[in-house]
Amino acid sequence: MAWVYLLLAGLFEIGWPVGLKIAQQAETRTIGIVVAVAFMVVSGLLLWLAQKQIPIGTSYAVWTGIGAAGTFLVGVLFYGDPTSLGRYIGVALIVGGVATLKLSH
């Protein structure tokens, strides 16, 4: 169950940068901040639950890896963030590192 908590924590980790992006516009500032804080709280709680059984170094690396790769994809798909082969390779390395941590646990 700890790995499920960790996966969910990583997915919720994607939500708070999106909330901060939403908050950049004056008309959506408040809702963006609320979204960011809510996702931070849920993500942190799920990470805390996961760390009861998963070592801190592994759980933190997986959590931030999911958040970083997921936020990159959201940026590309929904916000027009720049892409290049190098950026995709970088994300692939993050995902590969996360998979290696999981498989060698």
Protein backbone atom coordinates (compact mmCIF):
# COMPACT_ATOMS: atom_id res chain seq x y z
CA MET A 1 0.00 0.00 0.00
CA ALA A 2 2.95 2.31 0.65
CA TRP A 3 3.84 2.33 -3.04
CA VAL A 4 0.28 3.27 -3.93
CA TYR A 5 0.49 6.18 -1.47
CA LEU A 6 3.79 7.20 -3.03
CA LEU A 7 2.45 7.06 -6.58
CA LEU A 8 -0.56 9.16 -5.58
CA ALA A 9 1.70 11.58 -3.69
CA GLY A 10 3.76 12.05 -6.84
CA LEU A 11 0.66 12.66 -8.94
CA PHE A 12 -0.65 15.22 -6.44
CA GLU A 13 2.81 16.82 -6.51
CA ILE A 14 2.03 17.83 -10.11
CA GLY A 15 -0.97 19.85 -8.94
CA TRP A 16 0.74 22.52 -6.93
CA PRO A 17 2.95 23.95 -9.71
CA VAL A 18 -0.17 23.99 -11.89
CA GLY A 19 -1.96 25.92 -9.14
CA LEU A 20 0.90 28.42 -9.02
CA LYS A 21 0.70 28.78 -12.81
CA ILE A 22 -3.04 29.44 -12.54
CA ALA A 23 -2.31 32.02 -9.81
CA GLN A 24 -0.16 34.10 -12.18
CA GLN A 25 -3.29 35.68 -13.66
CA ALA A 26 -4.97 38.29 -11.47
CA GLU A 27 -8.46 36.96 -12.11
CA THR A 28 -7.53 33.41 -11.04
CA ARG A 29 -4.96 34.26 -8.35
CA THR A 30 -6.99 33.16 -5.34
CA ILE A 31 -8.22 29.89 -6.82
CA GLY A 32 -4.71 29.12 -8.06
CA ILE A 33 -3.23 29.59 -4.60
CA VAL A 34 -5.99 27.48 -3.03
CA VAL A 35 -5.37 24.73 -5.59
CA ALA A 36 -1.60 24.86 -4.99
CA VAL A 37 -1.91 24.68 -1.20
CA ALA A 38 -4.53 21.88 -1.35
CA PHE A 39 -2.34 19.77 -3.63
CA MET A 40 0.72 20.43 -1.42
CA VAL A 41 -1.16 19.25 1.67
CA VAL A 42 -2.53 16.09 0.05
CA SER A 43 0.81 15.28 -1.59
CA GLY A 44 2.69 15.79 1.67
CA LEU A 45 0.24 13.65 3.64
CA LEU A 46 0.50 10.82 1.12
CA LEU A 47 4.31 11.06 1.15
CA TRP A 48 4.24 10.89 4.94
CA LEU A 49 2.12 7.73 4.77
CA ALA A 50 4.44 6.17 2.18
CA GLN A 51 7.53 6.90 4.27
CA LYS A 52 6.24 4.69 7.05
CA GLN A 53 7.42 1.72 4.95
CA ILE A 54 9.62 3.13 2.18
CA PRO A 55 13.07 4.58 2.98
CA ILE A 56 13.18 8.39 2.96
CA GLY A 57 15.75 8.66 0.17
CA THR A 58 13.84 6.34 -2.13
CA SER A 59 10.44 7.85 -1.39
CA TYR A 60 11.63 11.43 -1.81
CA ALA A 61 13.41 10.68 -5.09
CA VAL A 62 10.38 8.85 -6.50
CA TRP A 63 8.01 11.60 -5.30
CA THR A 64 10.02 14.41 -6.85
CA GLY A 65 10.68 12.38 -10.00
CA ILE A 66 6.99 11.79 -10.63
CA GLY A 67 6.30 15.45 -9.87
CA ALA A 68 9.05 16.73 -12.15
CA ALA A 69 8.26 14.47 -15.09
CA GLY A 70 4.52 14.99 -14.72
CA THR A 71 4.84 18.75 -14.44
CA PHE A 72 7.04 18.77 -17.54
CA LEU A 73 4.36 16.88 -19.47
CA VAL A 74 1.57 19.15 -18.23
CA GLY A 75 3.63 22.17 -19.25
CA VAL A 76 4.20 20.80 -22.73
CA LEU A 77 0.64 19.58 -23.28
CA PHE A 78 -1.32 22.46 -21.75
CA TYR A 79 0.94 25.50 -21.43
CA GLY A 80 3.03 25.43 -24.58
CA ASP A 81 6.33 24.84 -22.78
CA PRO A 82 9.25 24.36 -25.16
CA THR A 83 10.31 20.88 -26.18
CA SER A 84 13.48 19.45 -27.58
CA LEU A 85 15.12 16.08 -27.83
CA GLY A 86 17.35 16.99 -24.91
CA ARG A 87 14.38 17.86 -22.69
CA TYR A 88 12.67 14.56 -23.53
CA ILE A 89 15.89 12.66 -22.82
CA GLY A 90 16.15 14.45 -19.48
CA VAL A 91 12.63 13.38 -18.51
CA ALA A 92 13.36 9.83 -19.68
CA LEU A 93 16.41 9.79 -17.41
CA ILE A 94 14.25 10.92 -14.48
CA VAL A 95 11.70 8.18 -15.18
CA GLY A 96 14.49 5.62 -15.60
CA GLY A 97 16.03 6.66 -12.30
CA VAL A 98 12.69 6.38 -10.53
CA ALA A 99 12.09 2.94 -12.05
CA THR A 100 15.56 1.82 -10.97
CA LEU A 101 14.89 2.94 -7.40
CA LYS A 102 11.63 1.00 -7.35
CA LEU A 103 13.10 -2.14 -8.87
CA SER A 104 16.13 -2.20 -6.57
CA HIS A 105 14.12 -1.59 -3.38
